[in-house]
Amino acid sequence: MSAPTLGPITNVGIMADRVQYSVVVTYPGEKSKDVDFNGPANSEGVGPVVMISGYSQILIDDPSRFGPFGPEWIRRFFA
């Protein structure tokens, strides 16, 4: 499967040591989808990351494999 095209990654906000980013993701031949990621606000922090798309929430196994959480983490996740 080809890597998707990502729109701008936007910081939605920080609450209770968690930060949420939003990005529009488009896979070839499919409609664009809004996807949010909720993870540790401290880029050095290790903690769970949750991907939210529509009404689905998915806990990402071993999020540290993509490095510190932030916009680059999201790009590596989809690469």
N, C-alpha and C. Protein backbone atom coordinates (compact mmCIF):
# COMPACT_ATOMS: atom_id res chain seq x y z
N MET A 1 0.85 -1.18 0.00
CA MET A 1 0.00 0.00 0.00
C MET A 1 0.89 1.24 0.00
N SER A 2 0.52 2.21 -0.79
CA SER A 2 1.26 3.47 -0.88
C SER A 2 1.04 4.32 0.35
N ALA A 3 2.06 5.12 0.66
CA ALA A 3 1.93 6.05 1.78
C ALA A 3 0.89 7.12 1.43
N PRO A 4 0.16 7.59 2.42
CA PRO A 4 -0.85 8.61 2.16
C PRO A 4 -0.24 10.00 2.01
N THR A 5 -1.05 10.91 1.50
CA THR A 5 -0.70 12.32 1.48
C THR A 5 -1.24 12.93 2.77
N LEU A 6 -0.40 13.70 3.45
CA LEU A 6 -0.81 14.34 4.70
C LEU A 6 -0.98 15.83 4.49
N GLY A 7 -2.05 16.38 5.04
CA GLY A 7 -2.24 17.81 5.05
C GLY A 7 -1.42 18.41 6.18
N PRO A 8 -1.58 19.70 6.45
CA PRO A 8 -0.88 20.33 7.56
C PRO A 8 -1.26 19.65 8.89
N ILE A 9 -0.28 19.49 9.75
CA ILE A 9 -0.51 18.91 11.07
C ILE A 9 -0.70 20.06 12.04
N THR A 10 -1.88 20.11 12.66
CA THR A 10 -2.26 21.23 13.51
C THR A 10 -2.32 20.81 14.97
N ASN A 11 -1.71 21.63 15.84
CA ASN A 11 -1.81 21.41 17.28
C ASN A 11 -3.18 21.90 17.73
N VAL A 12 -4.03 20.98 18.17
CA VAL A 12 -5.39 21.32 18.58
C VAL A 12 -5.41 21.90 19.99
N GLY A 13 -4.50 21.44 20.84
CA GLY A 13 -4.44 21.97 22.20
C GLY A 13 -3.82 21.00 23.17
N ILE A 14 -3.55 21.51 24.37
CA ILE A 14 -2.95 20.72 25.44
C ILE A 14 -3.88 20.74 26.63
N MET A 15 -4.08 19.57 27.23
CA MET A 15 -4.89 19.46 28.44
C MET A 15 -4.38 18.29 29.26
N ALA A 16 -4.13 18.54 30.53
CA ALA A 16 -3.71 17.49 31.47
C ALA A 16 -2.49 16.72 30.96
N ASP A 17 -1.45 17.43 30.55
CA ASP A 17 -0.21 16.83 30.06
C ASP A 17 -0.39 15.97 28.81
N ARG A 18 -1.45 16.22 28.06
CA ARG A 18 -1.71 15.52 26.79
C ARG A 18 -1.87 16.58 25.71
N VAL A 19 -1.39 16.28 24.52
CA VAL A 19 -1.53 17.19 23.39
C VAL A 19 -2.26 16.45 22.26
N GLN A 20 -3.03 17.19 21.51
CA GLN A 20 -3.75 16.57 20.41
C GLN A 20 -3.41 17.29 19.12
N TYR A 21 -3.08 16.50 18.10
CA TYR A 21 -2.79 17.01 16.76
C TYR A 21 -3.84 16.49 15.81
N SER A 22 -4.15 17.29 14.79
CA SER A 22 -5.13 16.92 13.78
C SER A 22 -4.47 17.00 12.41
N VAL A 23 -4.81 16.05 11.53
CA VAL A 23 -4.25 16.03 10.18
C VAL A 23 -5.28 15.41 9.24
N VAL A 24 -5.32 15.92 8.01
CA VAL A 24 -6.16 15.31 6.98
C VAL A 24 -5.28 14.32 6.23
N VAL A 25 -5.75 13.08 6.14
CA VAL A 25 -4.99 11.99 5.53
C VAL A 25 -5.73 11.51 4.28
N THR A 26 -4.99 11.39 3.17
CA THR A 26 -5.60 10.92 1.93
C THR A 26 -4.76 9.79 1.34
N TYR A 27 -5.35 8.60 1.30
CA TYR A 27 -4.72 7.46 0.62
C TYR A 27 -5.13 7.49 -0.85
N PRO A 28 -4.23 7.05 -1.75
CA PRO A 28 -4.57 7.04 -3.18
C PRO A 28 -5.89 6.29 -3.43
N GLY A 29 -6.78 6.94 -4.18
CA GLY A 29 -8.04 6.33 -4.55
C GLY A 29 -9.11 6.35 -3.47
N GLU A 30 -8.84 7.00 -2.34
CA GLU A 30 -9.82 7.07 -1.25
C GLU A 30 -10.14 8.51 -0.91
N LYS A 31 -11.25 8.70 -0.19
CA LYS A 31 -11.61 10.03 0.29
C LYS A 31 -10.69 10.44 1.43
N SER A 32 -10.52 11.74 1.60
CA SER A 32 -9.71 12.27 2.70
C SER A 32 -10.43 12.02 4.02
N LYS A 33 -9.63 11.81 5.08
CA LYS A 33 -10.18 11.59 6.41
C LYS A 33 -9.47 12.49 7.40
N ASP A 34 -10.23 13.03 8.35
CA ASP A 34 -9.64 13.76 9.47
C ASP A 34 -9.19 12.74 10.50
N VAL A 35 -7.93 12.84 10.92
CA VAL A 35 -7.38 11.93 11.91
C VAL A 35 -6.74 12.77 13.01
N ASP A 36 -7.04 12.45 14.26
CA ASP A 36 -6.42 13.12 15.41
C ASP A 36 -5.53 12.13 16.14
N PHE A 37 -4.48 12.65 16.74
CA PHE A 37 -3.60 11.86 17.58
C PHE A 37 -3.50 12.55 18.92
N ASN A 38 -3.68 11.81 19.99
CA ASN A 38 -3.58 12.33 21.35
C ASN A 38 -2.42 11.61 22.01
N GLY A 39 -1.43 12.39 22.51
CA GLY A 39 -0.26 11.79 23.11
C GLY A 39 0.34 12.69 24.17
N PRO A 40 1.49 12.29 24.72
CA PRO A 40 2.12 13.07 25.80
C PRO A 40 2.54 14.46 25.32
N ALA A 41 2.25 15.47 26.14
CA ALA A 41 2.56 16.85 25.78
C ALA A 41 4.06 17.12 25.81
N ASN A 42 4.77 16.44 26.68
CA ASN A 42 6.21 16.60 26.79
C ASN A 42 6.85 15.72 25.71
N SER A 43 7.56 16.33 24.76
CA SER A 43 8.12 15.57 23.64
C SER A 43 9.09 14.48 24.10
N GLU A 44 9.62 14.60 25.31
CA GLU A 44 10.50 13.56 25.84
C GLU A 44 9.71 12.51 26.60
N GLY A 45 8.44 12.80 26.84
CA GLY A 45 7.61 11.89 27.62
C GLY A 45 7.27 10.62 26.85
N VAL A 46 7.14 9.58 27.60
CA VAL A 46 6.72 8.31 27.02
C VAL A 46 5.35 8.03 27.58
N GLY A 47 4.44 7.71 26.73
CA GLY A 47 3.09 7.43 27.19
C GLY A 47 2.24 6.95 26.05
N PRO A 48 1.03 6.60 26.35
CA PRO A 48 0.18 6.08 25.29
C PRO A 48 -0.16 7.14 24.25
N VAL A 49 -0.35 6.68 23.04
CA VAL A 49 -0.82 7.53 21.94
C VAL A 49 -2.09 6.89 21.41
N VAL A 50 -3.11 7.72 21.24
CA VAL A 50 -4.40 7.25 20.73
C VAL A 50 -4.67 7.94 19.40
N MET A 51 -5.01 7.14 18.38
CA MET A 51 -5.42 7.68 17.08
C MET A 51 -6.94 7.71 17.06
N ILE A 52 -7.50 8.86 16.67
CA ILE A 52 -8.95 9.05 16.66
C ILE A 52 -9.37 9.39 15.23
N SER A 53 -10.28 8.58 14.69
CA SER A 53 -10.78 8.81 13.34
C SER A 53 -12.27 8.50 13.34
N GLY A 54 -13.08 9.53 13.12
CA GLY A 54 -14.52 9.34 13.21
C GLY A 54 -14.89 8.98 14.65
N TYR A 55 -15.59 7.87 14.80
CA TYR A 55 -15.97 7.41 16.14
C TYR A 55 -15.02 6.35 16.67
N SER A 56 -13.95 6.05 15.94
CA SER A 56 -13.00 5.02 16.34
C SER A 56 -11.82 5.62 17.09
N GLN A 57 -11.40 4.93 18.13
CA GLN A 57 -10.19 5.29 18.86
C GLN A 57 -9.32 4.05 18.92
N ILE A 58 -8.06 4.21 18.50
CA ILE A 58 -7.15 3.08 18.44
C ILE A 58 -5.91 3.41 19.26
N LEU A 59 -5.60 2.55 20.22
CA LEU A 59 -4.38 2.70 21.02
C LEU A 59 -3.21 2.18 20.19
N ILE A 60 -2.19 3.00 20.01
CA ILE A 60 -1.02 2.62 19.22
C ILE A 60 -0.06 1.81 20.08
N ASP A 61 0.23 0.60 19.63
CA ASP A 61 1.18 -0.26 20.34
C ASP A 61 2.59 0.31 20.20
N ASP A 62 3.33 0.36 21.28
CA ASP A 62 4.73 0.79 21.30
C ASP A 62 4.96 2.07 20.51
N PRO A 63 4.34 3.19 20.93
CA PRO A 63 4.49 4.44 20.17
C PRO A 63 5.93 4.95 20.13
N SER A 64 6.79 4.50 21.05
CA SER A 64 8.17 4.98 21.07
C SER A 64 8.95 4.57 19.82
N ARG A 65 8.46 3.58 19.07
CA ARG A 65 9.17 3.15 17.86
C ARG A 65 9.18 4.24 16.78
N PHE A 66 8.30 5.26 16.92
CA PHE A 66 8.26 6.38 15.98
C PHE A 66 8.96 7.61 16.53
N GLY A 67 9.64 7.48 17.68
CA GLY A 67 10.37 8.59 18.27
C GLY A 67 9.51 9.42 19.19
N PRO A 68 9.99 10.63 19.55
CA PRO A 68 9.23 11.52 20.42
C PRO A 68 7.92 11.95 19.75
N PHE A 69 6.86 12.05 20.54
CA PHE A 69 5.55 12.39 20.00
C PHE A 69 5.48 13.84 19.57
N GLY A 70 4.95 14.08 18.39
CA GLY A 70 4.78 15.41 17.84
C GLY A 70 4.50 15.29 16.35
N PRO A 71 4.55 16.39 15.61
CA PRO A 71 4.28 16.34 14.18
C PRO A 71 5.17 15.35 13.41
N GLU A 72 6.46 15.29 13.74
CA GLU A 72 7.35 14.35 13.05
C GLU A 72 6.98 12.91 13.38
N TRP A 73 6.51 12.67 14.59
CA TRP A 73 6.03 11.33 14.98
C TRP A 73 4.90 10.91 14.03
N ILE A 74 3.98 11.82 13.76
CA ILE A 74 2.83 11.53 12.90
C ILE A 74 3.33 11.23 11.47
N ARG A 75 4.29 12.00 10.98
CA ARG A 75 4.82 11.74 9.64
C ARG A 75 5.49 10.36 9.59
N ARG A 76 6.26 10.00 10.62
CA ARG A 76 6.91 8.68 10.65
C ARG A 76 5.86 7.57 10.76
N PHE A 77 4.78 7.80 11.50
CA PHE A 77 3.72 6.81 11.65
C PHE A 77 3.13 6.44 10.29
N PHE A 78 2.90 7.41 9.44
CA PHE A 78 2.29 7.16 8.14
C PHE A 78 3.29 6.79 7.04
N ALA A 79 4.59 6.91 7.33
CA ALA A 79 5.61 6.61 6.29
C ALA A 79 5.67 5.13 5.97
